[in-house]
């Protein structure tokens, strides 16, 4: 092989490896997050307790702490229900996307993402082919979900993290209950785990 070809191959492999390091996640999950939100997640950080965060802009320390609080609450209620798989902060990846809206229909602060209506088509949630969601699981393995960027009401961040995490805990601990609660198109809501 020529030196140029070897250099090209090495450079390409290095770039692919670097993207894996930057995102710390398989590219399939990243592509899914970008497909759903239309955003590019160029920031990669960890929360103080070790959860992975990929964001469109650098999240504040308050947001990172709110994510940890949501996961702490999730792990406590999971143990209470005798679920023990995937209860480490490092098991979770949170994608923070640009909000598609900042206020709900009542005018309350509610940063949400717009996603295709899918199984919610024709329901009260349908906004003309899409719904607004506080969060959405994008991969069960690795445990990954997306939320909207918040600048206030950080308790809501904690709640959304806990609630999206409930689906993932159930997926890894109780598949029957997971299947019954994996979406809310037939009713039901959060909290699932009491």
N, C-alpha and C. Protein backbone atom coordinates (compact mmCIF):
# COMPACT_ATOMS: atom_id res chain seq x y z
N UNK A 1 0.84 -1.19 0.00
CA UNK A 1 0.00 0.00 0.00
C UNK A 1 0.88 1.25 0.00
N UNK A 2 0.35 2.26 -0.61
CA UNK A 2 1.11 3.51 -0.65
C UNK A 2 1.02 4.20 0.70
N UNK A 3 1.97 5.07 0.94
CA UNK A 3 1.99 5.82 2.20
C UNK A 3 0.78 6.73 2.30
N UNK A 4 0.35 7.31 1.17
CA UNK A 4 -0.81 8.19 1.18
C UNK A 4 -2.07 7.42 1.59
N UNK A 5 -2.25 6.22 1.05
CA UNK A 5 -3.42 5.41 1.37
C UNK A 5 -3.39 5.01 2.85
N UNK A 6 -2.23 4.59 3.33
CA UNK A 6 -2.10 4.23 4.75
C UNK A 6 -2.39 5.44 5.65
N UNK A 7 -1.88 6.60 5.27
CA UNK A 7 -2.14 7.81 6.05
C UNK A 7 -3.64 8.14 6.05
N UNK A 8 -4.28 8.00 4.89
CA UNK A 8 -5.72 8.26 4.79
C UNK A 8 -6.50 7.30 5.69
N UNK A 9 -6.18 6.02 5.63
CA UNK A 9 -6.87 5.01 6.45
C UNK A 9 -6.65 5.32 7.93
N UNK A 10 -5.42 5.59 8.31
CA UNK A 10 -5.13 5.89 9.72
C UNK A 10 -5.88 7.14 10.18
N UNK A 11 -5.88 8.18 9.36
CA UNK A 11 -6.58 9.43 9.70
C UNK A 11 -8.07 9.17 9.84
N UNK A 12 -8.64 8.38 8.94
CA UNK A 12 -10.07 8.07 9.00
C UNK A 12 -10.41 7.30 10.26
N UNK A 13 -9.60 6.28 10.57
CA UNK A 13 -9.84 5.50 11.78
C UNK A 13 -9.69 6.36 13.03
N UNK A 14 -8.73 7.26 13.04
CA UNK A 14 -8.54 8.16 14.17
C UNK A 14 -9.77 9.06 14.36
N UNK A 15 -10.27 9.60 13.24
CA UNK A 15 -11.45 10.48 13.31
C UNK A 15 -12.67 9.72 13.84
N UNK A 16 -12.86 8.50 13.37
CA UNK A 16 -13.98 7.68 13.86
C UNK A 16 -13.80 7.41 15.35
N UNK A 17 -12.60 7.03 15.73
CA UNK A 17 -12.33 6.76 17.15
C UNK A 17 -12.52 8.00 18.01
N UNK A 18 -12.10 9.15 17.51
CA UNK A 18 -12.26 10.40 18.25
C UNK A 18 -13.73 10.72 18.46
N UNK A 19 -14.55 10.48 17.42
CA UNK A 19 -15.98 10.76 17.60
C UNK A 19 -16.57 9.83 18.65
N UNK A 20 -16.08 8.60 18.72
CA UNK A 20 -16.56 7.68 19.75
C UNK A 20 -16.15 8.18 21.14
N UNK A 21 -14.95 8.71 21.25
CA UNK A 21 -14.50 9.23 22.54
C UNK A 21 -15.30 10.47 22.92
N UNK A 22 -15.48 11.38 21.97
CA UNK A 22 -16.21 12.61 22.25
C UNK A 22 -17.62 12.29 22.69
N UNK A 23 -18.27 11.37 21.99
CA UNK A 23 -19.65 11.07 22.31
C UNK A 23 -19.79 9.92 23.29
N UNK A 24 -18.76 9.10 23.46
CA UNK A 24 -18.78 8.04 24.45
C UNK A 24 -19.96 7.10 24.29
N UNK A 25 -20.47 6.98 23.11
CA UNK A 25 -21.75 6.32 22.88
C UNK A 25 -21.72 5.79 21.46
N UNK A 26 -22.45 4.76 21.19
CA UNK A 26 -22.42 4.31 19.81
C UNK A 26 -23.11 5.33 18.91
N UNK A 27 -22.66 5.35 17.70
CA UNK A 27 -23.14 6.35 16.74
C UNK A 27 -24.61 6.14 16.39
N UNK A 28 -25.11 4.92 16.52
CA UNK A 28 -26.53 4.64 16.26
C UNK A 28 -27.42 5.49 17.16
N UNK A 29 -27.09 5.59 18.44
CA UNK A 29 -27.89 6.36 19.39
C UNK A 29 -27.78 7.85 19.07
N UNK A 30 -26.59 8.30 18.79
CA UNK A 30 -26.39 9.71 18.42
C UNK A 30 -27.22 10.05 17.19
N UNK A 31 -27.15 9.22 16.16
CA UNK A 31 -27.93 9.48 14.94
C UNK A 31 -29.43 9.51 15.24
N UNK A 32 -29.89 8.63 16.12
CA UNK A 32 -31.32 8.62 16.46
C UNK A 32 -31.71 9.90 17.20
N UNK A 33 -30.89 10.34 18.13
CA UNK A 33 -31.17 11.59 18.84
C UNK A 33 -31.21 12.76 17.87
N UNK A 34 -30.27 12.80 16.94
CA UNK A 34 -30.23 13.88 15.97
C UNK A 34 -31.41 13.80 15.00
N UNK A 35 -31.82 12.58 14.63
CA UNK A 35 -32.97 12.42 13.73
C UNK A 35 -34.24 12.91 14.40
N UNK A 36 -34.45 12.54 15.66
CA UNK A 36 -35.67 12.91 16.37
C UNK A 36 -35.75 14.41 16.60
N UNK A 37 -34.64 15.02 16.99
CA UNK A 37 -34.67 16.42 17.40
C UNK A 37 -34.29 17.40 16.29
N UNK A 38 -33.55 16.92 15.31
CA UNK A 38 -33.03 17.83 14.28
C UNK A 38 -31.84 18.64 14.78
N UNK A 39 -31.32 18.29 15.95
CA UNK A 39 -30.19 19.02 16.55
C UNK A 39 -28.89 18.26 16.35
N UNK A 40 -27.79 18.97 16.60
CA UNK A 40 -26.46 18.36 16.64
C UNK A 40 -25.95 18.47 18.07
N UNK A 41 -25.55 17.35 18.62
CA UNK A 41 -25.09 17.29 20.00
C UNK A 41 -23.57 17.35 20.01
N UNK A 42 -23.04 18.56 20.18
CA UNK A 42 -21.60 18.77 20.07
C UNK A 42 -20.90 18.88 21.41
N UNK A 43 -21.66 18.89 22.50
CA UNK A 43 -21.07 19.00 23.84
C UNK A 43 -21.22 17.66 24.55
N UNK A 44 -20.14 17.21 25.16
CA UNK A 44 -20.14 15.95 25.89
C UNK A 44 -19.57 16.19 27.28
N UNK A 45 -20.39 15.97 28.33
CA UNK A 45 -19.94 16.15 29.70
C UNK A 45 -20.53 15.03 30.56
N UNK A 46 -20.09 14.98 31.79
CA UNK A 46 -20.66 14.05 32.76
C UNK A 46 -21.23 14.85 33.92
N UNK A 47 -22.27 14.29 34.55
CA UNK A 47 -22.78 14.90 35.76
C UNK A 47 -21.81 14.63 36.89
N UNK A 48 -21.93 15.31 38.03
CA UNK A 48 -21.03 15.03 39.15
C UNK A 48 -21.03 13.56 39.59
N UNK A 49 -22.17 12.87 39.39
CA UNK A 49 -22.26 11.46 39.81
C UNK A 49 -21.96 10.49 38.67
N UNK A 50 -21.67 11.01 37.47
CA UNK A 50 -21.16 10.15 36.40
C UNK A 50 -22.10 9.81 35.27
N UNK A 51 -23.29 10.41 35.19
CA UNK A 51 -24.17 10.18 34.04
C UNK A 51 -23.59 10.91 32.83
N UNK A 52 -23.79 10.35 31.66
CA UNK A 52 -23.32 10.94 30.41
C UNK A 52 -24.34 11.96 29.91
N UNK A 53 -23.86 13.11 29.51
CA UNK A 53 -24.74 14.15 28.99
C UNK A 53 -24.17 14.63 27.66
N UNK A 54 -25.04 14.66 26.64
CA UNK A 54 -24.69 15.14 25.32
C UNK A 54 -25.68 16.25 25.01
N UNK A 55 -25.18 17.41 24.65
CA UNK A 55 -26.05 18.58 24.56
C UNK A 55 -25.72 19.44 23.36
N UNK A 56 -26.67 20.32 23.03
CA UNK A 56 -26.47 21.28 21.95
C UNK A 56 -25.63 22.46 22.42
N UNK A 57 -25.66 22.72 23.73
CA UNK A 57 -24.81 23.75 24.32
C UNK A 57 -24.45 23.30 25.73
N UNK A 58 -23.42 23.89 26.28
CA UNK A 58 -22.92 23.43 27.58
C UNK A 58 -23.99 23.62 28.66
N UNK A 59 -24.39 22.52 29.32
CA UNK A 59 -25.39 22.64 30.38
C UNK A 59 -24.77 23.24 31.64
N UNK A 60 -25.59 23.96 32.39
CA UNK A 60 -25.13 24.57 33.63
C UNK A 60 -24.93 23.50 34.71
N UNK A 61 -24.19 23.85 35.73
CA UNK A 61 -24.01 22.96 36.87
C UNK A 61 -25.36 22.63 37.50
N UNK A 62 -26.28 23.58 37.50
CA UNK A 62 -27.61 23.35 38.07
C UNK A 62 -28.35 22.28 37.29
N UNK A 63 -28.26 22.30 35.97
CA UNK A 63 -28.90 21.27 35.15
C UNK A 63 -28.27 19.91 35.42
N UNK A 64 -26.94 19.85 35.48
CA UNK A 64 -26.26 18.58 35.73
C UNK A 64 -26.65 18.01 37.09
N UNK A 65 -26.76 18.87 38.09
CA UNK A 65 -27.19 18.41 39.41
C UNK A 65 -28.65 17.95 39.39
N UNK A 66 -29.48 18.62 38.61
CA UNK A 66 -30.89 18.22 38.49
C UNK A 66 -31.00 16.85 37.84
N UNK A 67 -30.15 16.57 36.86
CA UNK A 67 -30.14 15.24 36.23
C UNK A 67 -29.77 14.19 37.27
N UNK A 68 -28.72 14.46 38.05
CA UNK A 68 -28.32 13.52 39.11
C UNK A 68 -29.45 13.32 40.12
N UNK A 69 -30.15 14.39 40.49
CA UNK A 69 -31.24 14.26 41.44
C UNK A 69 -32.35 13.37 40.88
N UNK A 70 -32.68 13.56 39.60
CA UNK A 70 -33.70 12.71 38.97
C UNK A 70 -33.29 11.25 38.97
N UNK A 71 -32.02 10.98 38.66
CA UNK A 71 -31.55 9.60 38.67
C UNK A 71 -31.51 9.03 40.09
N UNK A 72 -31.13 9.85 41.06
CA UNK A 72 -31.13 9.40 42.46
C UNK A 72 -32.53 8.99 42.88
N UNK A 73 -33.52 9.82 42.55
CA UNK A 73 -34.92 9.48 42.87
C UNK A 73 -35.35 8.21 42.15
N UNK A 74 -34.96 8.08 40.88
CA UNK A 74 -35.29 6.89 40.10
C UNK A 74 -34.71 5.64 40.75
N UNK A 75 -33.45 5.68 41.13
CA UNK A 75 -32.81 4.51 41.70
C UNK A 75 -33.45 4.12 43.03
N UNK A 76 -33.83 5.11 43.83
CA UNK A 76 -34.47 4.83 45.12
C UNK A 76 -35.81 4.13 44.92
N UNK A 77 -36.63 4.63 44.00
CA UNK A 77 -37.95 4.02 43.78
C UNK A 77 -37.80 2.67 43.08
N UNK A 78 -36.78 2.51 42.26
CA UNK A 78 -36.53 1.20 41.63
C UNK A 78 -36.19 0.16 42.69
N UNK A 79 -35.30 0.50 43.60
CA UNK A 79 -34.94 -0.44 44.67
C UNK A 79 -36.15 -0.77 45.55
N UNK A 80 -36.97 0.23 45.81
CA UNK A 80 -38.20 0.02 46.60
C UNK A 80 -39.09 -1.02 45.92
N UNK A 81 -39.08 -1.06 44.58
CA UNK A 81 -39.86 -2.01 43.81
C UNK A 81 -39.09 -3.30 43.51
N UNK A 82 -37.92 -3.44 44.13
CA UNK A 82 -37.06 -4.62 43.98
C UNK A 82 -36.50 -4.79 42.56
N UNK A 83 -36.19 -3.67 41.93
CA UNK A 83 -35.50 -3.66 40.64
C UNK A 83 -34.07 -3.21 40.90
N UNK A 84 -33.10 -3.98 40.39
CA UNK A 84 -31.71 -3.69 40.71
C UNK A 84 -30.79 -3.55 39.49
N UNK A 85 -31.29 -3.86 38.31
CA UNK A 85 -30.45 -3.74 37.11
C UNK A 85 -30.48 -2.30 36.59
N UNK A 86 -29.32 -1.85 36.13
CA UNK A 86 -29.12 -0.52 35.53
C UNK A 86 -29.42 0.60 36.51
N UNK A 87 -28.82 0.49 37.68
CA UNK A 87 -28.98 1.53 38.70
C UNK A 87 -27.66 2.24 39.00
N UNK A 88 -26.88 2.45 37.98
CA UNK A 88 -25.65 3.22 38.09
C UNK A 88 -25.78 4.48 37.23
N UNK A 89 -25.29 5.57 37.73
CA UNK A 89 -25.37 6.83 36.97
C UNK A 89 -24.73 6.68 35.60
N UNK A 90 -23.61 5.97 35.54
CA UNK A 90 -22.90 5.82 34.27
C UNK A 90 -23.65 4.95 33.27
N UNK A 91 -24.71 4.28 33.68
CA UNK A 91 -25.55 3.51 32.75
C UNK A 91 -26.40 4.41 31.87
N UNK A 92 -26.54 5.68 32.22
CA UNK A 92 -27.51 6.56 31.57
C UNK A 92 -26.84 7.66 30.75
N UNK A 93 -27.45 7.92 29.59
CA UNK A 93 -27.05 9.02 28.73
C UNK A 93 -28.26 9.91 28.50
N UNK A 94 -28.08 11.19 28.77
CA UNK A 94 -29.14 12.17 28.61
C UNK A 94 -28.73 13.13 27.50
N UNK A 95 -29.55 13.21 26.47
CA UNK A 95 -29.33 14.16 25.38
C UNK A 95 -30.18 15.38 25.68
N UNK A 96 -29.57 16.56 25.65
CA UNK A 96 -30.29 17.80 25.91
C UNK A 96 -30.40 18.56 24.59
N UNK A 97 -31.64 18.61 24.08
CA UNK A 97 -31.93 19.20 22.77
C UNK A 97 -32.46 20.62 22.92
N UNK A 98 -32.44 21.35 21.83
CA UNK A 98 -33.12 22.64 21.79
C UNK A 98 -34.62 22.41 22.01
N UNK A 99 -35.23 23.28 22.78
CA UNK A 99 -36.67 23.19 23.00
C UNK A 99 -37.40 23.66 21.75
N UNK A 100 -38.45 22.93 21.37
CA UNK A 100 -39.28 23.34 20.24
C UNK A 100 -40.39 24.28 20.70
N UNK A 101 -40.64 24.30 21.98
CA UNK A 101 -41.54 25.29 22.56
C UNK A 101 -41.08 25.54 24.00
N UNK A 102 -41.39 26.73 24.51
CA UNK A 102 -41.01 27.06 25.88
C UNK A 102 -42.21 27.12 26.82
N UNK A 103 -43.41 27.26 26.27
CA UNK A 103 -44.62 27.36 27.10
C UNK A 103 -45.67 26.39 26.60
N UNK A 104 -46.42 25.83 27.54
CA UNK A 104 -47.51 24.93 27.16
C UNK A 104 -48.75 25.73 26.78
N UNK A 105 -49.85 25.03 26.50
CA UNK A 105 -51.06 25.71 26.03
C UNK A 105 -51.68 26.63 27.09
N UNK A 106 -51.30 26.45 28.37
CA UNK A 106 -51.78 27.34 29.43
C UNK A 106 -50.81 28.49 29.71
N UNK A 107 -49.73 28.56 28.92
CA UNK A 107 -48.76 29.64 29.08
C UNK A 107 -47.72 29.39 30.16
N UNK A 108 -47.68 28.17 30.69
CA UNK A 108 -46.70 27.82 31.73
C UNK A 108 -45.37 27.43 31.07
N UNK A 109 -44.26 27.77 31.74
CA UNK A 109 -42.93 27.40 31.26
C UNK A 109 -42.87 25.88 31.13
N UNK A 110 -42.60 25.42 29.93
CA UNK A 110 -42.61 23.98 29.65
C UNK A 110 -41.76 23.69 28.43
N UNK A 111 -40.42 23.72 28.56
CA UNK A 111 -39.58 23.41 27.41
C UNK A 111 -39.79 21.96 26.97
N UNK A 112 -40.24 21.78 25.75
CA UNK A 112 -40.54 20.45 25.24
C UNK A 112 -39.99 20.30 23.83
N UNK A 113 -39.92 19.05 23.40
CA UNK A 113 -39.48 18.76 22.04
C UNK A 113 -40.68 18.27 21.24
N UNK A 114 -40.71 18.61 19.97
CA UNK A 114 -41.76 18.15 19.08
C UNK A 114 -41.29 16.86 18.42
N UNK A 115 -42.13 15.83 18.50
CA UNK A 115 -41.81 14.56 17.87
C UNK A 115 -43.02 14.10 17.06
N UNK A 116 -42.78 13.26 16.08
CA UNK A 116 -43.87 12.75 15.25
C UNK A 116 -44.95 12.10 16.11
N UNK A 117 -46.21 12.30 15.75
CA UNK A 117 -47.33 11.83 16.55
C UNK A 117 -47.37 10.31 16.68
N UNK A 118 -46.99 9.58 15.64
CA UNK A 118 -46.98 8.11 15.64
C UNK A 118 -48.23 7.55 16.30
N UNK A 119 -48.06 6.77 17.38
CA UNK A 119 -49.21 6.13 18.04
C UNK A 119 -50.14 7.13 18.73
N UNK A 120 -49.74 8.38 18.83
CA UNK A 120 -50.58 9.41 19.44
C UNK A 120 -51.43 10.15 18.40
N UNK A 121 -51.30 9.78 17.13
CA UNK A 121 -52.05 10.44 16.05
C UNK A 121 -53.55 10.36 16.35
N UNK A 122 -54.22 11.50 16.25
CA UNK A 122 -55.65 11.57 16.49
C UNK A 122 -56.04 11.68 17.95
N UNK A 123 -55.06 11.62 18.85
CA UNK A 123 -55.37 11.74 20.29
C UNK A 123 -55.37 13.21 20.68
N UNK A 124 -55.68 13.48 21.93
CA UNK A 124 -55.67 14.86 22.43
C UNK A 124 -54.27 15.46 22.38
N UNK A 125 -53.23 14.62 22.29
CA UNK A 125 -51.85 15.11 22.24
C UNK A 125 -51.44 15.56 20.84
N UNK A 126 -52.14 15.09 19.82
CA UNK A 126 -51.77 15.34 18.43
C UNK A 126 -51.90 16.83 18.12
N UNK A 127 -50.79 17.44 17.69
CA UNK A 127 -50.77 18.86 17.36
C UNK A 127 -50.67 19.07 15.85
N UNK A 128 -51.21 18.13 15.10
CA UNK A 128 -51.14 18.22 13.64
C UNK A 128 -50.00 17.39 13.08
N UNK A 129 -49.87 16.18 13.57
CA UNK A 129 -48.82 15.28 13.08
C UNK A 129 -47.62 15.18 14.00
N UNK A 130 -47.63 15.92 15.08
CA UNK A 130 -46.55 15.83 16.07
C UNK A 130 -47.15 16.06 17.45
N UNK A 131 -46.37 15.71 18.46
CA UNK A 131 -46.75 15.98 19.85
C UNK A 131 -45.59 16.69 20.52
N UNK A 132 -45.88 17.36 21.60
CA UNK A 132 -44.82 17.93 22.43
C UNK A 132 -44.55 16.97 23.58
N UNK A 133 -43.29 16.66 23.79
CA UNK A 133 -42.90 15.73 24.85
C UNK A 133 -41.84 16.37 25.73
N UNK A 134 -41.95 16.13 27.02
CA UNK A 134 -40.94 16.60 27.95
C UNK A 134 -39.65 15.81 27.77
N UNK A 135 -39.80 14.55 27.39
CA UNK A 135 -38.65 13.69 27.16
C UNK A 135 -39.07 12.48 26.35
N UNK A 136 -38.07 11.75 25.86
CA UNK A 136 -38.36 10.56 25.06
C UNK A 136 -37.17 9.61 25.10
N UNK A 137 -37.46 8.35 25.37
CA UNK A 137 -36.42 7.33 25.33
C UNK A 137 -36.01 7.16 23.87
N UNK A 138 -34.70 7.15 23.63
CA UNK A 138 -34.22 6.95 22.25
C UNK A 138 -33.49 5.62 22.09
N UNK A 139 -33.11 4.99 23.21
CA UNK A 139 -32.50 3.66 23.15
C UNK A 139 -32.66 3.00 24.51
N UNK A 140 -33.05 1.73 24.47
CA UNK A 140 -33.15 0.97 25.72
C UNK A 140 -31.80 0.44 26.17
N UNK A 141 -30.94 0.19 25.19
CA UNK A 141 -29.62 -0.35 25.51
C UNK A 141 -28.64 0.17 24.47
N UNK A 142 -27.82 1.16 24.80
CA UNK A 142 -27.61 1.74 26.11
C UNK A 142 -28.77 2.65 26.53
N UNK A 143 -28.95 2.79 27.82
CA UNK A 143 -30.05 3.58 28.41
C UNK A 143 -29.90 5.05 28.02
N UNK A 144 -30.72 5.51 27.08
CA UNK A 144 -30.56 6.86 26.55
C UNK A 144 -31.91 7.51 26.31
N UNK A 145 -31.99 8.77 26.67
CA UNK A 145 -33.21 9.54 26.38
C UNK A 145 -32.86 10.99 26.13
N UNK A 146 -33.83 11.70 25.55
CA UNK A 146 -33.63 13.10 25.21
C UNK A 146 -34.62 13.94 26.01
N UNK A 147 -34.16 15.11 26.45
CA UNK A 147 -35.01 16.11 27.10
C UNK A 147 -34.72 17.45 26.44
N UNK A 148 -35.57 18.42 26.73
CA UNK A 148 -35.35 19.77 26.19
C UNK A 148 -34.48 20.58 27.15
N UNK A 149 -33.75 21.52 26.59
CA UNK A 149 -32.90 22.42 27.36
C UNK A 149 -33.77 23.32 28.25
N UNK A 150 -33.38 23.45 29.51
CA UNK A 150 -34.09 24.30 30.48
C UNK A 150 -33.16 25.40 30.99
N UNK A 151 -33.75 26.56 31.27
CA UNK A 151 -32.99 27.66 31.88
C UNK A 151 -33.54 28.02 33.26
N UNK A 152 -34.63 27.37 33.66
CA UNK A 152 -35.22 27.56 34.98
C UNK A 152 -36.11 26.35 35.28
N UNK A 153 -36.75 26.34 36.45
CA UNK A 153 -37.60 25.23 36.86
C UNK A 153 -36.86 23.90 36.73
N UNK A 154 -35.73 23.82 37.42
CA UNK A 154 -34.86 22.66 37.31
C UNK A 154 -35.45 21.42 38.00
N UNK A 155 -36.43 21.62 38.86
CA UNK A 155 -37.15 20.48 39.43
C UNK A 155 -37.83 19.69 38.31
N UNK A 156 -38.29 20.40 37.30
CA UNK A 156 -38.90 19.72 36.14
C UNK A 156 -37.88 18.84 35.43
N UNK A 157 -36.64 19.29 35.33
CA UNK A 157 -35.58 18.47 34.73
C UNK A 157 -35.45 17.17 35.52
N UNK A 158 -35.38 17.28 36.84
CA UNK A 158 -35.26 16.08 37.69
C UNK A 158 -36.43 15.14 37.46
N UNK A 159 -37.64 15.69 37.39
CA UNK A 159 -38.82 14.86 37.19
C UNK A 159 -38.79 14.16 35.83
N UNK A 160 -38.44 14.89 34.78
CA UNK A 160 -38.40 14.30 33.45
C UNK A 160 -37.35 13.19 33.40
N UNK A 161 -36.20 13.42 34.00
CA UNK A 161 -35.15 12.40 34.04
C UNK A 161 -35.66 11.16 34.77
N UNK A 162 -36.29 11.35 35.91
CA UNK A 162 -36.81 10.20 36.63
C UNK A 162 -37.85 9.47 35.79
N UNK A 163 -38.77 10.20 35.18
CA UNK A 163 -39.86 9.58 34.45
C UNK A 163 -39.38 8.84 33.20
N UNK A 164 -38.47 9.42 32.44
CA UNK A 164 -37.94 8.70 31.27
C UNK A 164 -37.13 7.50 31.74
N UNK A 165 -36.42 7.67 32.85
CA UNK A 165 -35.66 6.56 33.40
C UNK A 165 -36.52 5.40 33.86
N UNK A 166 -37.77 5.67 34.24
CA UNK A 166 -38.67 4.59 34.66
C UNK A 166 -38.84 3.57 33.53
N UNK A 167 -38.98 4.06 32.31
CA UNK A 167 -39.14 3.14 31.17
C UNK A 167 -37.91 2.25 31.03
N UNK A 168 -36.74 2.83 31.22
CA UNK A 168 -35.50 2.08 31.06
C UNK A 168 -35.29 1.08 32.19
N UNK A 169 -35.61 1.46 33.41
CA UNK A 169 -35.51 0.52 34.53
C UNK A 169 -36.46 -0.66 34.29
N UNK A 170 -37.66 -0.37 33.85
CA UNK A 170 -38.61 -1.46 33.58
C UNK A 170 -38.13 -2.34 32.43
N UNK A 171 -37.58 -1.76 31.40
CA UNK A 171 -37.06 -2.54 30.28
C UNK A 171 -36.03 -3.55 30.77
N UNK A 172 -35.17 -3.15 31.67
CA UNK A 172 -34.08 -4.01 32.13
C UNK A 172 -34.44 -4.87 33.34
N UNK A 173 -35.63 -4.70 33.90
CA UNK A 173 -35.99 -5.44 35.10
C UNK A 173 -37.34 -6.16 35.03
N UNK A 174 -38.28 -5.67 34.23
CA UNK A 174 -39.64 -6.22 34.24
C UNK A 174 -40.27 -5.97 32.87
N UNK A 175 -39.96 -6.86 31.90
CA UNK A 175 -40.39 -6.64 30.52
C UNK A 175 -41.91 -6.60 30.38
N UNK A 176 -42.63 -7.37 31.16
CA UNK A 176 -44.10 -7.36 31.06
C UNK A 176 -44.64 -5.98 31.43
N UNK A 177 -44.16 -5.45 32.54
CA UNK A 177 -44.60 -4.12 32.98
C UNK A 177 -44.11 -3.04 32.02
N UNK A 178 -42.92 -3.23 31.49
CA UNK A 178 -42.39 -2.29 30.50
C UNK A 178 -43.33 -2.23 29.30
N UNK A 179 -43.70 -3.38 28.74
CA UNK A 179 -44.57 -3.42 27.57
C UNK A 179 -45.91 -2.74 27.84
N UNK A 180 -46.41 -2.88 29.07
CA UNK A 180 -47.71 -2.28 29.42
C UNK A 180 -47.64 -0.77 29.60
N UNK A 181 -46.44 -0.23 29.81
CA UNK A 181 -46.31 1.20 30.14
C UNK A 181 -45.33 1.95 29.25
N UNK A 182 -44.85 1.34 28.17
CA UNK A 182 -43.76 1.96 27.39
C UNK A 182 -44.18 3.24 26.68
N UNK A 183 -45.48 3.40 26.42
CA UNK A 183 -45.94 4.69 25.92
C UNK A 183 -47.28 5.01 26.58
N UNK A 184 -47.73 6.22 26.39
CA UNK A 184 -48.92 6.69 27.11
C UNK A 184 -50.10 6.92 26.17
N UNK A 185 -50.03 6.33 24.98
CA UNK A 185 -51.09 6.54 23.99
C UNK A 185 -52.41 5.89 24.39
N UNK A 186 -52.34 4.90 25.29
CA UNK A 186 -53.56 4.23 25.74
C UNK A 186 -53.91 4.61 27.17
N UNK A 187 -53.35 5.72 27.61
CA UNK A 187 -53.61 6.19 28.98
C UNK A 187 -52.42 5.91 29.88
N UNK A 188 -52.56 6.29 31.11
CA UNK A 188 -51.46 6.11 32.05
C UNK A 188 -50.46 7.24 31.93
N UNK A 189 -49.68 7.39 32.93
CA UNK A 189 -48.69 8.45 32.93
C UNK A 189 -47.66 8.21 34.03
N UNK A 190 -46.96 9.23 34.36
CA UNK A 190 -45.91 9.14 35.38
C UNK A 190 -46.38 9.79 36.67
N UNK A 191 -45.85 9.36 37.77
CA UNK A 191 -44.88 8.29 37.92
C UNK A 191 -45.50 6.90 37.74
N UNK A 192 -44.74 6.01 37.12
CA UNK A 192 -45.14 4.62 36.97
C UNK A 192 -44.78 3.88 38.26
N UNK A 193 -43.57 4.12 38.74
CA UNK A 193 -43.07 3.45 39.95
C UNK A 193 -43.39 4.29 41.16
N UNK A 194 -44.04 3.68 42.14
CA UNK A 194 -44.41 4.39 43.38
C UNK A 194 -43.55 3.91 44.54
